[in-house]
Amino acid sequence: MLYTKELAYAYPGSLPIRFPEIRVGAGQSLLISGESGCGKTTLLHMLAGLRRPSAGQVIIDDVHMTGLTSKEIDQFRGRHIGIVYQQPYFIQSISVLDNILLSPYATQHNEVENLATRLHVGKVLSRYPYQLSVGQQQRVTIARAMVNKPKVILADEPTSALDNKNCSAVLDLLLGEAQVNQAALIIVSHDDRLKSELKDSIQLNSIQN
């Protein structure tokens, strides 16, 4: 489903950060861990097509992302990649439901409602984002990432701001949605609580030269 080959990224004036090979199949999950500054978020952005690698390849469902134009990458991401950001971003002046439906590739209303119910936010769709708890906001973020039924789910520090109870709940939801959609799930995090829950993991070092 998703794999990388000889992936590297160089910031201006710096030596390239080189990343280990990644391979995640449909319905499988992978934890990418490491301290701040090791390149976790940079790697996530390359997998999502938000950054172009300096070298190497990102291949999703036999599509070579690095060979696409910027417009093609945007369209591919919208259709096939769901991103759960560390910090939830909402338009505060519209309802939770309308925030989820902002995606041009959103499913029908009844399917969104079923998804929200499965993620335990079905009763808050008519509320505004500022009326939600931190845990509810994270669940809505997951719903918005899943609304296009993605082939790949990328989660950036999805549990770092949550207590133990909500951490376990969010992880269970991510794993469950990956199974339902037969999507490849990749979580990047320095949250040590996840290591005991995810059997497949890659540890990034501070310097990858």
C-alpha atoms as a PDB file:
ATOM      1  CA  MET A   1       0.000   0.000   0.000  1.00  0.00           C
ATOM      2  CA  LEU A   2       2.691   2.516   1.042  1.00  0.00           C
ATOM      3  CA  TYR A   3       6.439   2.234   0.850  1.00  0.00           C
ATOM      4  CA  THR A   4       9.450   4.480   0.536  1.00  0.00           C
ATOM      5  CA  LYS A   5      12.852   4.008  -1.015  1.00  0.00           C
ATOM      6  CA  GLU A   6      16.073   5.894  -0.169  1.00  0.00           C
ATOM      7  CA  LEU A   7      14.088   8.867   1.088  1.00  0.00           C
ATOM      8  CA  ALA A   8      16.008  12.011   2.100  1.00  0.00           C
ATOM      9  CA  TYR A   9      15.272  15.657   2.754  1.00  0.00           C
ATOM     10  CA  ALA A  10      17.683  18.593   2.986  1.00  0.00           C
ATOM     11  CA  TYR A  11      16.850  21.961   4.510  1.00  0.00           C
ATOM     12  CA  PRO A  12      18.784  24.896   3.029  1.00  0.00           C
ATOM     13  CA  GLY A  13      22.332  24.959   4.342  1.00  0.00           C
ATOM     14  CA  SER A  14      22.024  21.573   6.077  1.00  0.00           C
ATOM     15  CA  LEU A  15      23.114  18.040   5.321  1.00  0.00           C
ATOM     16  CA  PRO A  16      20.280  15.777   4.138  1.00  0.00           C
ATOM     17  CA  ILE A  17      18.235  13.823   6.649  1.00  0.00           C
ATOM     18  CA  ARG A  18      18.108  10.224   5.461  1.00  0.00           C
ATOM     19  CA  PHE A  19      15.175   8.039   6.443  1.00  0.00           C
ATOM     20  CA  PRO A  20      14.858   4.263   6.765  1.00  0.00           C
ATOM     21  CA  GLU A  21      12.697   2.368   4.315  1.00  0.00           C
ATOM     22  CA  ILE A  22       9.015   2.204   5.224  1.00  0.00           C
ATOM     23  CA  ARG A  23       6.569  -0.450   4.110  1.00  0.00           C
ATOM     24  CA  VAL A  24       2.980  -0.579   5.410  1.00  0.00           C
ATOM     25  CA  GLY A  25       0.259  -2.722   3.892  1.00  0.00           C
ATOM     26  CA  ALA A  26      -3.523  -2.281   3.821  1.00  0.00           C
ATOM     27  CA  GLY A  27      -4.957  -2.494   7.335  1.00  0.00           C
ATOM     28  CA  GLN A  28      -1.494  -2.412   8.902  1.00  0.00           C
ATOM     29  CA  SER A  29      -0.096   0.191  11.282  1.00  0.00           C
ATOM     30  CA  LEU A  30       3.348   1.640  11.980  1.00  0.00           C
ATOM     31  CA  LEU A  31       4.643   3.898  14.742  1.00  0.00           C
ATOM     32  CA  ILE A  32       7.493   6.260  13.874  1.00  0.00           C
ATOM     33  CA  SER A  33       9.037   7.575  17.069  1.00  0.00           C
ATOM     34  CA  GLY A  34      11.957   9.761  18.056  1.00  0.00           C
ATOM     35  CA  GLU A  35      12.835  12.897  19.963  1.00  0.00           C
ATOM     36  CA  SER A  36      12.043  16.410  18.759  1.00  0.00           C
ATOM     37  CA  GLY A  37      14.248  17.445  15.835  1.00  0.00           C
ATOM     38  CA  CYS A  38      14.803  13.964  14.414  1.00  0.00           C
ATOM     39  CA  GLY A  39      12.634  14.593  11.344  1.00  0.00           C
ATOM     40  CA  LYS A  40       9.342  12.885  12.250  1.00  0.00           C
ATOM     41  CA  THR A  41       7.106  15.675  10.991  1.00  0.00           C
ATOM     42  CA  THR A  42       9.307  16.232   7.929  1.00  0.00           C
ATOM     43  CA  LEU A  43       8.875  12.564   7.067  1.00  0.00           C
ATOM     44  CA  LEU A  44       5.115  12.752   7.596  1.00  0.00           C
ATOM     45  CA  HIS A  45       4.902  15.780   5.291  1.00  0.00           C
ATOM     46  CA  MET A  46       6.795  13.920   2.553  1.00  0.00           C
ATOM     47  CA  LEU A  47       4.480  10.918   2.890  1.00  0.00           C
ATOM     48  CA  ALA A  48       1.520  13.278   2.562  1.00  0.00           C
ATOM     49  CA  GLY A  49       2.977  15.080  -0.445  1.00  0.00           C
ATOM     50  CA  LEU A  50       3.223  18.350   1.492  1.00  0.00           C
ATOM     51  CA  ARG A  51       7.004  18.402   0.963  1.00  0.00           C
ATOM     52  CA  ARG A  52       8.984  17.056  -1.953  1.00  0.00           C
ATOM     53  CA  PRO A  53      11.917  14.860  -0.928  1.00  0.00           C
ATOM     54  CA  SER A  54      15.437  15.829  -1.961  1.00  0.00           C
ATOM     55  CA  ALA A  55      15.956  12.214  -3.003  1.00  0.00           C
ATOM     56  CA  GLY A  56      14.130   8.913  -3.031  1.00  0.00           C
ATOM     57  CA  GLN A  57      10.553   7.859  -3.659  1.00  0.00           C
ATOM     58  CA  VAL A  58       7.179   7.697  -1.929  1.00  0.00           C
ATOM     59  CA  ILE A  59       4.850   5.128  -3.480  1.00  0.00           C
ATOM     60  CA  ILE A  60       1.201   4.775  -2.446  1.00  0.00           C
ATOM     61  CA  ASP A  61      -1.007   2.140  -4.036  1.00  0.00           C
ATOM     62  CA  ASP A  62       1.495   1.825  -6.929  1.00  0.00           C
ATOM     63  CA  VAL A  63       1.421   5.593  -7.558  1.00  0.00           C
ATOM     64  CA  HIS A  64       4.834   7.291  -7.471  1.00  0.00           C
ATOM     65  CA  MET A  65       4.062  10.492  -5.568  1.00  0.00           C
ATOM     66  CA  THR A  66       7.404  12.074  -6.439  1.00  0.00           C
ATOM     67  CA  GLY A  67       6.543  11.894 -10.135  1.00  0.00           C
ATOM     68  CA  LEU A  68       3.308  13.874  -9.853  1.00  0.00           C
ATOM     69  CA  THR A  69       2.840  17.584 -10.441  1.00  0.00           C
ATOM     70  CA  SER A  70       1.819  19.805  -7.516  1.00  0.00           C
ATOM     71  CA  LYS A  71      -1.784  19.832  -8.744  1.00  0.00           C
ATOM     72  CA  GLU A  72      -1.831  16.053  -9.146  1.00  0.00           C
ATOM     73  CA  ILE A  73      -0.393  15.610  -5.642  1.00  0.00           C
ATOM     74  CA  ASP A  74      -3.097  17.844  -4.175  1.00  0.00           C
ATOM     75  CA  GLN A  75      -5.815  15.862  -5.951  1.00  0.00           C
ATOM     76  CA  PHE A  76      -4.291  12.520  -4.938  1.00  0.00           C
ATOM     77  CA  ARG A  77      -3.972  13.637  -1.314  1.00  0.00           C
ATOM     78  CA  GLY A  78      -7.573  14.827  -1.241  1.00  0.00           C
ATOM     79  CA  ARG A  79      -8.877  11.516  -2.533  1.00  0.00           C
ATOM     80  CA  HIS A  80      -6.578   8.979  -0.894  1.00  0.00           C
ATOM     81  CA  ILE A  81      -4.791  10.390   2.181  1.00  0.00           C
ATOM     82  CA  GLY A  82      -6.295  11.314   5.537  1.00  0.00           C
ATOM     83  CA  ILE A  83      -4.204  13.514   7.833  1.00  0.00           C
ATOM     84  CA  VAL A  84      -4.746  13.818  11.581  1.00  0.00           C
ATOM     85  CA  TYR A  85      -2.846  16.919  12.647  1.00  0.00           C
ATOM     86  CA  GLN A  86      -1.366  17.417  16.105  1.00  0.00           C
ATOM     87  CA  GLN A  87      -3.303  20.652  16.550  1.00  0.00           C
ATOM     88  CA  PRO A  88      -6.949  20.514  15.445  1.00  0.00           C
ATOM     89  CA  TYR A  89      -7.866  23.287  13.004  1.00  0.00           C
ATOM     90  CA  PHE A  90     -11.503  24.281  12.685  1.00  0.00           C
ATOM     91  CA  ILE A  91     -13.585  27.136  11.300  1.00  0.00           C
ATOM     92  CA  GLN A  92     -15.148  28.272  14.553  1.00  0.00           C
ATOM     93  CA  SER A  93     -18.135  30.004  12.936  1.00  0.00           C
ATOM     94  CA  ILE A  94     -19.625  26.841  11.398  1.00  0.00           C
ATOM     95  CA  SER A  95     -20.870  23.607  12.931  1.00  0.00           C
ATOM     96  CA  VAL A  96     -18.862  20.466  13.511  1.00  0.00           C
ATOM     97  CA  LEU A  97     -20.772  18.746  10.695  1.00  0.00           C
ATOM     98  CA  ASP A  98     -19.982  21.546   8.246  1.00  0.00           C
ATOM     99  CA  ASN A  99     -16.322  21.437   9.262  1.00  0.00           C
ATOM    100  CA  ILE A 100     -16.239  17.731   8.406  1.00  0.00           C
ATOM    101  CA  LEU A 101     -18.048  18.313   5.106  1.00  0.00           C
ATOM    102  CA  LEU A 102     -15.555  20.944   3.944  1.00  0.00           C
ATOM    103  CA  SER A 103     -13.643  18.240   2.092  1.00  0.00           C
ATOM    104  CA  PRO A 104     -14.573  18.210  -1.620  1.00  0.00           C
ATOM    105  CA  TYR A 105     -14.331  14.416  -1.418  1.00  0.00           C
ATOM    106  CA  ALA A 106     -16.644  14.051   1.580  1.00  0.00           C
ATOM    107  CA  THR A 107     -19.126  11.204   1.549  1.00  0.00           C
ATOM    108  CA  GLN A 108     -22.908  11.620   1.839  1.00  0.00           C
ATOM    109  CA  HIS A 109     -24.428  13.149   4.973  1.00  0.00           C
ATOM    110  CA  ASN A 110     -25.733   9.845   6.299  1.00  0.00           C
ATOM    111  CA  GLU A 111     -22.313   8.238   5.903  1.00  0.00           C
ATOM    112  CA  VAL A 112     -20.691  11.157   7.748  1.00  0.00           C
ATOM    113  CA  GLU A 113     -23.230  10.728  10.533  1.00  0.00           C
ATOM    114  CA  ASN A 114     -22.447   6.995  10.713  1.00  0.00           C
ATOM    115  CA  LEU A 115     -18.721   7.785  10.847  1.00  0.00           C
ATOM    116  CA  ALA A 116     -19.269  10.362  13.594  1.00  0.00           C
ATOM    117  CA  THR A 117     -21.344   7.895  15.594  1.00  0.00           C
ATOM    118  CA  ARG A 118     -18.624   5.281  15.264  1.00  0.00           C
ATOM    119  CA  LEU A 119     -16.114   7.866  16.575  1.00  0.00           C
ATOM    120  CA  HIS A 120     -18.427   8.846  19.463  1.00  0.00           C
ATOM    121  CA  VAL A 121     -19.095  12.395  18.238  1.00  0.00           C
ATOM    122  CA  GLY A 122     -22.444  11.804  16.565  1.00  0.00           C
ATOM    123  CA  LYS A 123     -24.258  13.847  19.223  1.00  0.00           C
ATOM    124  CA  VAL A 124     -22.083  16.961  18.774  1.00  0.00           C
ATOM    125  CA  LEU A 125     -22.398  17.492  15.001  1.00  0.00           C
ATOM    126  CA  SER A 126     -24.669  20.511  15.462  1.00  0.00           C
ATOM    127  CA  ARG A 127     -22.337  22.169  17.970  1.00  0.00           C
ATOM    128  CA  TYR A 128     -19.523  24.592  17.220  1.00  0.00           C
ATOM    129  CA  PRO A 129     -15.868  23.506  17.605  1.00  0.00           C
ATOM    130  CA  TYR A 130     -15.239  25.771  20.618  1.00  0.00           C
ATOM    131  CA  GLN A 131     -17.999  23.917  22.488  1.00  0.00           C
ATOM    132  CA  LEU A 132     -16.121  20.596  22.324  1.00  0.00           C
ATOM    133  CA  SER A 133     -13.746  19.039  24.827  1.00  0.00           C
ATOM    134  CA  VAL A 134     -10.142  18.310  23.800  1.00  0.00           C
ATOM    135  CA  GLY A 135     -10.982  14.645  23.336  1.00  0.00           C
ATOM    136  CA  GLN A 136     -14.038  15.456  21.209  1.00  0.00           C
ATOM    137  CA  GLN A 137     -11.998  17.835  19.053  1.00  0.00           C
ATOM    138  CA  GLN A 138      -9.469  15.081  18.389  1.00  0.00           C
ATOM    139  CA  ARG A 139     -12.225  12.642  17.440  1.00  0.00           C
ATOM    140  CA  VAL A 140     -13.712  15.195  15.036  1.00  0.00           C
ATOM    141  CA  THR A 141     -10.245  15.676  13.543  1.00  0.00           C
ATOM    142  CA  ILE A 142     -10.086  11.926  12.953  1.00  0.00           C
ATOM    143  CA  ALA A 143     -13.572  11.990  11.391  1.00  0.00           C
ATOM    144  CA  ARG A 144     -12.501  14.764   9.020  1.00  0.00           C
ATOM    145  CA  ALA A 145      -9.406  12.759   8.043  1.00  0.00           C
ATOM    146  CA  MET A 146     -11.530   9.671   7.372  1.00  0.00           C
ATOM    147  CA  VAL A 147     -14.341  11.336   5.429  1.00  0.00           C
ATOM    148  CA  ASN A 148     -12.738  10.548   2.049  1.00  0.00           C
ATOM    149  CA  LYS A 149     -12.261   6.855   2.967  1.00  0.00           C
ATOM    150  CA  PRO A 150      -8.478   7.168   2.542  1.00  0.00           C
ATOM    151  CA  LYS A 151      -6.032   4.490   1.533  1.00  0.00           C
ATOM    152  CA  VAL A 152      -3.462   5.986   3.927  1.00  0.00           C
ATOM    153  CA  ILE A 153      -3.977   7.592   7.351  1.00  0.00           C
ATOM    154  CA  LEU A 154      -1.162   9.825   8.632  1.00  0.00           C
ATOM    155  CA  ALA A 155      -1.366  10.973  12.267  1.00  0.00           C
ATOM    156  CA  ASP A 156       0.993  13.604  13.703  1.00  0.00           C
ATOM    157  CA  GLU A 157       1.279  13.346  17.509  1.00  0.00           C
ATOM    158  CA  PRO A 158      -2.430  12.455  17.848  1.00  0.00           C
ATOM    159  CA  THR A 159      -2.217  11.604  21.577  1.00  0.00           C
ATOM    160  CA  SER A 160       0.441  13.918  23.008  1.00  0.00           C
ATOM    161  CA  ALA A 161      -2.085  16.353  24.516  1.00  0.00           C
ATOM    162  CA  LEU A 162      -4.411  13.652  25.884  1.00  0.00           C
ATOM    163  CA  ASP A 163      -4.636  11.909  29.234  1.00  0.00           C
ATOM    164  CA  ASN A 164      -4.222   8.134  29.436  1.00  0.00           C
ATOM    165  CA  LYS A 165      -7.925   7.384  28.995  1.00  0.00           C
ATOM    166  CA  ASN A 166      -8.339   9.575  25.910  1.00  0.00           C
ATOM    167  CA  CYS A 167      -4.964   8.407  24.558  1.00  0.00           C
ATOM    168  CA  SER A 168      -6.153   4.797  24.527  1.00  0.00           C
ATOM    169  CA  ALA A 169      -9.525   5.783  23.084  1.00  0.00           C
ATOM    170  CA  VAL A 170      -8.019   7.790  20.212  1.00  0.00           C
ATOM    171  CA  LEU A 171      -5.529   5.053  19.384  1.00  0.00           C
ATOM    172  CA  ASP A 172      -8.305   2.444  19.348  1.00  0.00           C
ATOM    173  CA  LEU A 173     -10.329   4.681  17.015  1.00  0.00           C
ATOM    174  CA  LEU A 174      -7.419   5.139  14.618  1.00  0.00           C
ATOM    175  CA  LEU A 175      -6.672   1.419  14.531  1.00  0.00           C
ATOM    176  CA  GLY A 176     -10.359   0.628  14.107  1.00  0.00           C
ATOM    177  CA  GLU A 177     -10.804   3.058  11.217  1.00  0.00           C
ATOM    178  CA  ALA A 178      -7.691   1.678   9.516  1.00  0.00           C
ATOM    179  CA  GLN A 179      -9.235  -1.796   9.683  1.00  0.00           C
ATOM    180  CA  VAL A 180     -12.666  -0.653   8.491  1.00  0.00           C
ATOM    181  CA  ASN A 181     -11.167   1.120   5.477  1.00  0.00           C
ATOM    182  CA  GLN A 182      -8.268  -1.308   4.993  1.00  0.00           C
ATOM    183  CA  ALA A 183      -5.990   1.717   5.086  1.00  0.00           C
ATOM    184  CA  ALA A 184      -2.309   1.917   5.984  1.00  0.00           C
ATOM    185  CA  LEU A 185      -1.956   3.787   9.296  1.00  0.00           C
ATOM    186  CA  ILE A 186       1.246   5.657  10.141  1.00  0.00           C
ATOM    187  CA  ILE A 187       1.579   7.499  13.444  1.00  0.00           C
ATOM    188  CA  VAL A 188       4.518   9.780  14.184  1.00  0.00           C
ATOM    189  CA  SER A 189       4.928  10.511  17.878  1.00  0.00           C
ATOM    190  CA  HIS A 190       7.313  10.791  20.803  1.00  0.00           C
ATOM    191  CA  ASP A 191       4.525   9.521  23.101  1.00  0.00           C
ATOM    192  CA  ASP A 192       6.054   6.459  24.798  1.00  0.00           C
ATOM    193  CA  ARG A 193       2.584   5.156  25.701  1.00  0.00           C
ATOM    194  CA  LEU A 194       2.072   4.111  22.084  1.00  0.00           C
ATOM    195  CA  LYS A 195       5.088   1.806  21.934  1.00  0.00           C
ATOM    196  CA  SER A 196       3.392  -0.906  23.960  1.00  0.00           C
ATOM    197  CA  GLU A 197       0.250  -0.690  21.820  1.00  0.00           C
ATOM    198  CA  LEU A 198       1.766  -0.830  18.320  1.00  0.00           C
ATOM    199  CA  LYS A 199       3.944  -3.821  17.535  1.00  0.00           C
ATOM    200  CA  ASP A 200       5.583  -2.367  14.420  1.00  0.00           C
ATOM    201  CA  SER A 201       7.728   0.721  14.958  1.00  0.00           C
ATOM    202  CA  ILE A 202      10.710   2.644  13.627  1.00  0.00           C
ATOM    203  CA  GLN A 203      12.915   4.779  15.848  1.00  0.00           C
ATOM    204  CA  LEU A 204      14.449   7.833  14.182  1.00  0.00           C
ATOM    205  CA  ASN A 205      17.739   9.103  15.524  1.00  0.00           C
ATOM    206  CA  SER A 206      18.476  12.786  16.094  1.00  0.00           C
ATOM    207  CA  ILE A 207      20.898  12.792  13.156  1.00  0.00           C
ATOM    208  CA  GLN A 208      20.197  10.645  10.088  1.00  0.00           C
ATOM    209  CA  ASN A 209      23.231  11.473   7.849  1.00  0.00           C
END
